[in-house]
C-alpha atoms as a PDB file:
ATOM      1  CA  MET A   1       0.000   0.000   0.000  1.00  0.00           C
ATOM      2  CA  ILE A   2       1.010   3.580  -0.608  1.00  0.00           C
ATOM      3  CA  ALA A   3       0.610   6.217   2.106  1.00  0.00           C
ATOM      4  CA  VAL A   4       0.082   9.874   1.232  1.00  0.00           C
ATOM      5  CA  SER A   5       0.428  12.745   3.684  1.00  0.00           C
ATOM      6  CA  ARG A   6      -0.759  16.336   3.411  1.00  0.00           C
ATOM      7  CA  ARG A   7      -0.107  19.194   5.801  1.00  0.00           C
ATOM      8  CA  TYR A   8      -2.384  21.938   7.055  1.00  0.00           C
ATOM      9  CA  ARG A   9      -2.359  24.704   9.683  1.00  0.00           C
ATOM     10  CA  PHE A  10      -4.963  26.305  11.884  1.00  0.00           C
ATOM     11  CA  PRO A  11      -4.771  28.805  14.738  1.00  0.00           C
ATOM     12  CA  ALA A  12      -6.711  28.107  17.918  1.00  0.00           C
ATOM     13  CA  ALA A  13      -6.602  28.859  21.617  1.00  0.00           C
ATOM     14  CA  HIS A  14      -7.031  26.501  24.528  1.00  0.00           C
ATOM     15  CA  VAL A  15      -6.539  26.185  28.235  1.00  0.00           C
ATOM     16  CA  LEU A  16      -5.572  22.948  29.938  1.00  0.00           C
ATOM     17  CA  ARG A  17      -7.578  22.313  33.064  1.00  0.00           C
ATOM     18  CA  SER A  18      -9.913  19.750  34.500  1.00  0.00           C
ATOM     19  CA  ASP A  19     -12.956  20.397  36.670  1.00  0.00           C
ATOM     20  CA  ALA A  20     -11.885  17.307  38.627  1.00  0.00           C
ATOM     21  CA  PHE A  21      -8.801  19.198  39.901  1.00  0.00           C
ATOM     22  CA  SER A  22      -8.484  22.243  42.106  1.00  0.00           C
ATOM     23  CA  GLU A  23      -7.004  25.443  40.699  1.00  0.00           C
ATOM     24  CA  ALA A  24      -3.709  24.601  42.419  1.00  0.00           C
ATOM     25  CA  GLU A  25      -3.718  21.050  41.010  1.00  0.00           C
ATOM     26  CA  ASN A  26      -4.433  22.334  37.495  1.00  0.00           C
ATOM     27  CA  ALA A  27      -1.522  24.764  37.821  1.00  0.00           C
ATOM     28  CA  ARG A  28       0.763  21.992  39.112  1.00  0.00           C
ATOM     29  CA  ILE A  29      -0.247  19.463  36.418  1.00  0.00           C
ATOM     30  CA  TYR A  30      -0.475  21.773  33.395  1.00  0.00           C
ATOM     31  CA  GLY A  31       1.870  24.600  34.402  1.00  0.00           C
ATOM     32  CA  LYS A  32       1.600  27.746  32.270  1.00  0.00           C
ATOM     33  CA  CYS A  33      -0.749  25.864  29.927  1.00  0.00           C
ATOM     34  CA  SER A  34      -3.428  26.088  32.641  1.00  0.00           C
ATOM     35  CA  ASN A  35      -3.879  29.666  31.414  1.00  0.00           C
ATOM     36  CA  LEU A  36      -5.588  30.599  28.156  1.00  0.00           C
ATOM     37  CA  HIS A  37      -3.066  30.653  25.290  1.00  0.00           C
ATOM     38  CA  GLY A  38      -2.936  29.933  21.576  1.00  0.00           C
ATOM     39  CA  HIS A  39      -1.087  27.849  19.015  1.00  0.00           C
ATOM     40  CA  ASP A  40      -0.709  27.767  15.278  1.00  0.00           C
ATOM     41  CA  TYR A  41      -1.316  24.032  15.031  1.00  0.00           C
ATOM     42  CA  GLY A  42       0.296  22.121  12.224  1.00  0.00           C
ATOM     43  CA  ILE A  43      -1.479  18.920  11.266  1.00  0.00           C
ATOM     44  CA  GLU A  44      -0.427  16.150   8.939  1.00  0.00           C
ATOM     45  CA  VAL A  45      -3.076  13.757   7.645  1.00  0.00           C
ATOM     46  CA  THR A  46      -1.890  10.430   6.233  1.00  0.00           C
ATOM     47  CA  VAL A  47      -4.158   8.219   4.139  1.00  0.00           C
ATOM     48  CA  THR A  48      -3.380   4.842   2.666  1.00  0.00           C
ATOM     49  CA  GLY A  49      -4.966   2.469   0.205  1.00  0.00           C
ATOM     50  CA  PRO A  50      -4.713   1.072  -3.272  1.00  0.00           C
ATOM     51  CA  LEU A  51      -4.135   3.350  -6.214  1.00  0.00           C
ATOM     52  CA  ASP A  52      -7.253   4.408  -8.094  1.00  0.00           C
ATOM     53  CA  PRO A  53      -7.440   4.459 -11.921  1.00  0.00           C
ATOM     54  CA  SER A  54      -5.792   7.907 -11.920  1.00  0.00           C
ATOM     55  CA  GLY A  55      -2.766   6.473 -10.094  1.00  0.00           C
ATOM     56  CA  ARG A  56      -3.576   8.135  -6.758  1.00  0.00           C
ATOM     57  CA  VAL A  57      -4.608   6.927  -3.323  1.00  0.00           C
ATOM     58  CA  MET A  58      -6.965   9.907  -3.093  1.00  0.00           C
ATOM     59  CA  ALA A  59      -7.269  13.132  -5.045  1.00  0.00           C
ATOM     60  CA  PRO A  60      -5.394  15.802  -3.056  1.00  0.00           C
ATOM     61  CA  GLU A  61      -8.080  18.409  -3.657  1.00  0.00           C
ATOM     62  CA  ARG A  62     -10.722  16.063  -2.245  1.00  0.00           C
ATOM     63  CA  LEU A  63      -8.650  15.426   0.881  1.00  0.00           C
ATOM     64  CA  ASP A  64      -8.134  19.192   1.201  1.00  0.00           C
ATOM     65  CA  ALA A  65     -11.897  19.722   0.996  1.00  0.00           C
ATOM     66  CA  LEU A  66     -12.610  17.085   3.662  1.00  0.00           C
ATOM     67  CA  VAL A  67      -9.987  18.496   6.026  1.00  0.00           C
ATOM     68  CA  GLY A  68     -11.362  21.991   5.430  1.00  0.00           C
ATOM     69  CA  GLU A  69     -14.947  20.953   6.106  1.00  0.00           C
ATOM     70  CA  HIS A  70     -14.411  18.612   9.053  1.00  0.00           C
ATOM     71  CA  VAL A  71     -11.359  20.126  10.773  1.00  0.00           C
ATOM     72  CA  LEU A  72     -10.251  23.590   9.714  1.00  0.00           C
ATOM     73  CA  GLU A  73     -13.642  25.298   9.485  1.00  0.00           C
ATOM     74  CA  PRO A  74     -14.968  24.024  12.831  1.00  0.00           C
ATOM     75  CA  LEU A  75     -11.729  24.400  14.842  1.00  0.00           C
ATOM     76  CA  ALA A  76      -9.804  27.394  13.475  1.00  0.00           C
ATOM     77  CA  HIS A  77      -9.987  30.627  15.474  1.00  0.00           C
ATOM     78  CA  THR A  78     -11.810  28.997  18.384  1.00  0.00           C
ATOM     79  CA  ASN A  79     -11.098  28.275  22.023  1.00  0.00           C
ATOM     80  CA  LEU A  80     -10.836  24.487  21.844  1.00  0.00           C
ATOM     81  CA  ALA A  81     -11.506  24.160  25.577  1.00  0.00           C
ATOM     82  CA  GLU A  82     -14.973  25.650  24.982  1.00  0.00           C
ATOM     83  CA  HIS A  83     -15.666  23.802  21.725  1.00  0.00           C
ATOM     84  CA  PRO A  84     -18.414  21.124  21.860  1.00  0.00           C
ATOM     85  CA  LEU A  85     -15.972  18.556  20.418  1.00  0.00           C
ATOM     86  CA  PHE A  86     -13.987  18.858  23.654  1.00  0.00           C
ATOM     87  CA  ALA A  87     -16.940  18.897  26.045  1.00  0.00           C
ATOM     88  CA  GLU A  88     -15.950  15.498  27.445  1.00  0.00           C
ATOM     89  CA  ARG A  89     -12.161  15.791  27.151  1.00  0.00           C
ATOM     90  CA  ILE A  90      -9.365  18.205  27.925  1.00  0.00           C
ATOM     91  CA  SER A  91      -8.075  20.032  24.855  1.00  0.00           C
ATOM     92  CA  THR A  92      -4.557  18.582  25.005  1.00  0.00           C
ATOM     93  CA  ALA A  93      -2.763  18.139  21.691  1.00  0.00           C
ATOM     94  CA  GLU A  94      -3.177  14.385  22.178  1.00  0.00           C
ATOM     95  CA  ASN A  95      -6.944  14.882  22.208  1.00  0.00           C
ATOM     96  CA  VAL A  96      -6.765  17.325  19.299  1.00  0.00           C
ATOM     97  CA  ALA A  97      -5.145  14.547  17.242  1.00  0.00           C
ATOM     98  CA  ARG A  98      -7.812  12.064  18.377  1.00  0.00           C
ATOM     99  CA  VAL A  99     -10.696  14.434  17.564  1.00  0.00           C
ATOM    100  CA  ILE A 100      -9.302  15.152  14.094  1.00  0.00           C
ATOM    101  CA  HIS A 101      -8.904  11.425  13.435  1.00  0.00           C
ATOM    102  CA  GLU A 102     -12.474  10.748  14.584  1.00  0.00           C
ATOM    103  CA  ARG A 103     -13.837  13.515  12.354  1.00  0.00           C
ATOM    104  CA  LEU A 104     -11.940  12.435   9.229  1.00  0.00           C
ATOM    105  CA  ALA A 105     -11.899   8.617   9.295  1.00  0.00           C
ATOM    106  CA  GLY A 106     -15.500   8.110   8.137  1.00  0.00           C
ATOM    107  CA  PRO A 107     -15.581  10.790   5.436  1.00  0.00           C
ATOM    108  CA  ILE A 108     -12.282   9.585   3.948  1.00  0.00           C
ATOM    109  CA  GLU A 109     -13.509   5.991   3.775  1.00  0.00           C
ATOM    110  CA  ARG A 110     -16.782   7.109   2.178  1.00  0.00           C
ATOM    111  CA  GLU A 111     -15.047   9.359  -0.385  1.00  0.00           C
ATOM    112  CA  ALA A 112     -12.286   7.050  -1.574  1.00  0.00           C
ATOM    113  CA  ARG A 113     -11.059   3.498  -1.331  1.00  0.00           C
ATOM    114  CA  ALA A 114      -8.624   4.870   1.232  1.00  0.00           C
ATOM    115  CA  ARG A 115      -8.409   4.827   4.987  1.00  0.00           C
ATOM    116  CA  LEU A 116      -7.044   7.346   7.425  1.00  0.00           C
ATOM    117  CA  LEU A 117      -3.769   5.924   8.695  1.00  0.00           C
ATOM    118  CA  ARG A 118      -2.833   8.619  11.187  1.00  0.00           C
ATOM    119  CA  VAL A 119      -3.065  12.261  12.189  1.00  0.00           C
ATOM    120  CA  ARG A 120      -0.038  14.129  13.476  1.00  0.00           C
ATOM    121  CA  VAL A 121      -0.465  17.382  15.398  1.00  0.00           C
ATOM    122  CA  GLN A 122       2.511  19.701  15.785  1.00  0.00           C
ATOM    123  CA  GLU A 123       1.623  21.975  18.686  1.00  0.00           C
ATOM    124  CA  THR A 124       4.989  23.685  19.155  1.00  0.00           C
ATOM    125  CA  ARG A 125       8.474  23.316  17.693  1.00  0.00           C
ATOM    126  CA  LYS A 126       9.187  20.740  20.412  1.00  0.00           C
ATOM    127  CA  ASN A 127       5.816  18.995  20.818  1.00  0.00           C
ATOM    128  CA  GLY A 128       4.291  16.688  18.219  1.00  0.00           C
ATOM    129  CA  PHE A 129       1.621  14.033  18.721  1.00  0.00           C
ATOM    130  CA  GLU A 130       0.269  11.212  16.539  1.00  0.00           C
ATOM    131  CA  TYR A 131      -2.966   9.303  16.681  1.00  0.00           C
ATOM    132  CA  GLY A 132      -3.820   6.353  14.451  1.00  0.00           C
ATOM    133  CA  GLU A 133      -2.490   3.003  13.379  1.00  0.00           C
ATOM    134  CA  ASP A 134       0.986   1.800  14.263  1.00  0.00           C
ATOM    135  CA  ARG A 135       3.485   2.001  11.458  1.00  0.00           C
END
C-alpha cells in the first residue's frame, strides 16, 4: 500500500484544566498551559490504500476539501476548551489529534477506497503528537 500525507495549519486557543482538579492542582499538572493561550497548530493527515485508476490513493483536492470541512472550518480561530468537540475531554494536543482522526476517518472511507492511517499534530516546535495506526 502507498501512504500519502498532506499538511495543514490552523490557529486556535485553549486552556488545559480539568474540573476534577483544584485550581492549584491544574496549575501543578499543566503549568503555564493552565492559562488561556494559543497555538498555530500544524497537522499532517496520512491516508493509505490502493491506487485508483488515476494512479492516486486519493485526489489531493478532495482530501483538502474534507480536512477543510471537518477540521479547519470548525476548529480554526476557536477556544478548543470551549468547543463542543472537547466537552468530554481536555483540549490537550493528544486529544486534538484524536478528535481530528475521529472527524476524518468516516468521510475519507466514504469518499475514496482509502483509509485514514494517522493524524499528526505539531503543537509547538518541540511537541508533536500522533494518533492512528501503528506504522
